[in-house]
């Protein structure tokens, strides 16, 4: 199997959210319930991630991959900064119903102060060989 990672275009970069927290469109509601739009972009992966209280995920950045994360339950402390920065990471706290965006070339880690669950919707395939070809590990948040 070949690793298929398409190059970034300026048009794609210009279309990304400008802030970490993504404001969701208004839900469509009727007598049957609600439909909440999340992401309307070309993407290749959707994963459901459950994390235990006290765990850390991420501590990496991606060369070309981006991801939208939608918090289903719990809380995420999202640490992020531009690749190569020596500044302290900015921390954004996200709760159930929040959506956030990570573009390529942003070091990021997630700390879970409680059991949490979130959807990650990504640009690239989550197949292990594709993922590993694009990810670069960093030590943004200390782990045991």
Protein backbone atom coordinates (compact mmCIF):
# COMPACT_ATOMS: atom_id res chain seq x y z
CA UNK A 1 0.00 0.00 0.00
CA UNK A 2 1.34 3.41 -0.88
CA UNK A 3 1.10 6.37 1.44
CA UNK A 4 -1.20 8.95 -0.12
CA UNK A 5 -0.91 12.41 1.45
CA UNK A 6 -1.99 15.23 -0.84
CA UNK A 7 -0.02 18.48 -0.67
CA UNK A 8 -1.54 21.54 0.97
CA UNK A 9 -2.80 24.33 -1.27
CA UNK A 10 -3.06 28.02 -0.44
CA UNK A 11 -6.79 27.84 -1.16
CA UNK A 12 -7.15 25.12 1.49
CA UNK A 13 -5.07 27.05 4.01
CA UNK A 14 -7.18 30.18 3.44
CA UNK A 15 -10.36 28.21 4.17
CA UNK A 16 -9.31 27.07 7.67
CA UNK A 17 -10.85 28.55 10.81
CA UNK A 18 -8.81 31.48 12.13
CA UNK A 19 -9.42 30.68 15.81
CA UNK A 20 -8.98 27.49 17.84
CA UNK A 21 -12.61 27.34 18.95
CA UNK A 22 -14.93 26.85 15.98
CA UNK A 23 -18.33 28.51 16.17
CA UNK A 24 -20.93 25.99 15.11
CA UNK A 25 -23.67 26.82 12.67
CA UNK A 26 -27.17 27.00 14.07
CA UNK A 27 -28.76 23.58 14.38
CA UNK A 28 -31.76 22.72 12.24
CA UNK A 29 -34.60 21.86 14.60
CA UNK A 30 -38.09 20.51 14.07
CA UNK A 31 -40.53 18.22 15.86
CA UNK A 32 -38.22 15.23 15.27
CA UNK A 33 -35.22 16.82 16.99
CA UNK A 34 -32.06 18.60 15.88
CA UNK A 35 -29.40 18.31 13.18
CA UNK A 36 -26.17 20.05 14.19
CA UNK A 37 -23.77 20.70 11.28
CA UNK A 38 -20.19 20.00 12.34
CA UNK A 39 -17.78 19.95 9.37
CA UNK A 40 -18.42 20.39 5.66
CA UNK A 41 -14.91 19.79 4.28
CA UNK A 42 -13.19 17.09 2.24
CA UNK A 43 -11.75 14.69 4.76
CA UNK A 44 -10.58 11.12 4.99
CA UNK A 45 -11.02 10.12 8.61
CA UNK A 46 -13.49 10.19 11.45
CA UNK A 47 -12.54 8.62 14.77
CA UNK A 48 -14.16 8.43 18.18
CA UNK A 49 -11.64 8.81 21.00
CA UNK A 50 -12.29 8.04 24.67
CA UNK A 51 -9.77 9.27 27.23
CA UNK A 52 -9.41 8.47 30.91
CA UNK A 53 -9.13 11.15 33.59
CA UNK A 54 -5.52 12.34 33.91
CA UNK A 55 -4.38 11.04 30.53
CA UNK A 56 -2.48 13.04 27.88
CA UNK A 57 -2.91 12.66 24.12
CA UNK A 58 -1.14 14.32 21.25
CA UNK A 59 2.26 15.80 22.09
CA UNK A 60 2.86 16.07 18.37
CA UNK A 61 2.17 18.08 15.25
CA UNK A 62 1.29 17.17 11.68
CA UNK A 63 3.00 18.20 8.47
CA UNK A 64 -0.21 18.31 6.40
CA UNK A 65 -3.04 16.88 8.48
CA UNK A 66 -5.64 19.02 10.22
CA UNK A 67 -8.43 17.98 12.48
CA UNK A 68 -11.66 19.26 13.88
CA UNK A 69 -12.46 17.86 17.32
CA UNK A 70 -15.99 17.85 18.73
CA UNK A 71 -16.31 17.20 22.46
CA UNK A 72 -19.09 14.71 23.19
CA UNK A 73 -18.56 14.48 26.95
CA UNK A 74 -16.06 15.62 29.53
CA UNK A 75 -13.42 18.33 29.38
CA UNK A 76 -10.27 18.80 27.30
CA UNK A 77 -7.40 21.13 28.17
CA UNK A 78 -5.99 21.80 24.70
CA UNK A 79 -2.34 22.96 24.71
CA UNK A 80 -1.09 24.47 21.44
CA UNK A 81 1.62 26.63 19.88
CA UNK A 82 3.28 27.07 16.47
CA UNK A 83 5.90 24.48 15.55
CA UNK A 84 9.33 25.37 16.88
CA UNK A 85 8.11 28.04 19.29
CA UNK A 86 9.90 28.32 22.63
CA UNK A 87 6.94 30.16 24.16
CA UNK A 88 4.69 28.45 26.66
CA UNK A 89 1.76 26.73 25.02
CA UNK A 90 -1.60 28.48 25.04
CA UNK A 91 -4.26 26.46 26.86
CA UNK A 92 -7.89 26.44 25.76
CA UNK A 93 -10.43 24.57 27.89
CA UNK A 94 -13.18 22.84 25.93
CA UNK A 95 -16.33 21.18 27.21
CA UNK A 96 -19.21 19.12 25.89
CA UNK A 97 -20.60 20.64 22.68
CA UNK A 98 -17.43 22.59 21.83
CA UNK A 99 -15.58 22.19 18.54
CA UNK A 100 -11.92 23.09 18.02
CA UNK A 101 -9.55 23.07 15.06
CA UNK A 102 -5.88 22.13 14.78
CA UNK A 103 -4.14 23.07 11.52
CA UNK A 104 -0.87 21.52 10.34
CA UNK A 105 2.35 22.81 11.90
CA UNK A 106 0.81 23.42 15.33
CA UNK A 107 2.26 21.51 18.27
CA UNK A 108 -0.63 20.26 20.35
CA UNK A 109 -1.48 18.07 23.30
CA UNK A 110 -4.69 17.32 25.15
CA UNK A 111 -5.00 16.78 28.89
CA UNK A 112 -8.16 15.22 30.29
CA UNK A 113 -9.16 16.36 33.81
CA UNK A 114 -12.08 13.90 33.67
CA UNK A 115 -13.12 10.91 31.58
CA UNK A 116 -13.89 12.38 28.16
CA UNK A 117 -14.99 11.43 24.67
CA UNK A 118 -14.57 13.34 21.42
CA UNK A 119 -14.87 12.96 17.65
CA UNK A 120 -11.87 13.78 15.51
CA UNK A 121 -12.57 14.58 11.86
CA UNK A 122 -9.36 14.73 9.84
CA UNK A 123 -7.98 15.69 6.46
CA UNK A 124 -5.78 12.62 6.02
CA UNK A 125 -6.42 8.92 6.41
CA UNK A 126 -6.03 7.58 9.94
CA UNK A 127 -4.47 4.40 8.56
CA UNK A 128 -1.39 3.86 10.75
CA UNK A 129 1.20 4.12 7.95
CA UNK A 130 -0.31 7.38 6.64
CA UNK A 131 -0.65 8.81 10.16
CA UNK A 132 2.96 7.98 11.10
CA UNK A 133 4.31 9.46 7.84
CA UNK A 134 2.73 12.83 8.70
CA UNK A 135 3.08 13.10 12.51
CA UNK A 136 6.11 14.49 14.39
CA UNK A 137 6.38 13.86 18.14
CA UNK A 138 7.15 16.67 20.61
CA UNK A 139 7.13 16.96 24.39
CA UNK A 140 4.67 19.83 24.82
CA UNK A 141 3.07 18.41 28.00
CA UNK A 142 5.14 16.29 30.37
CA UNK A 143 3.94 12.74 30.84
CA UNK A 144 5.02 10.19 33.39
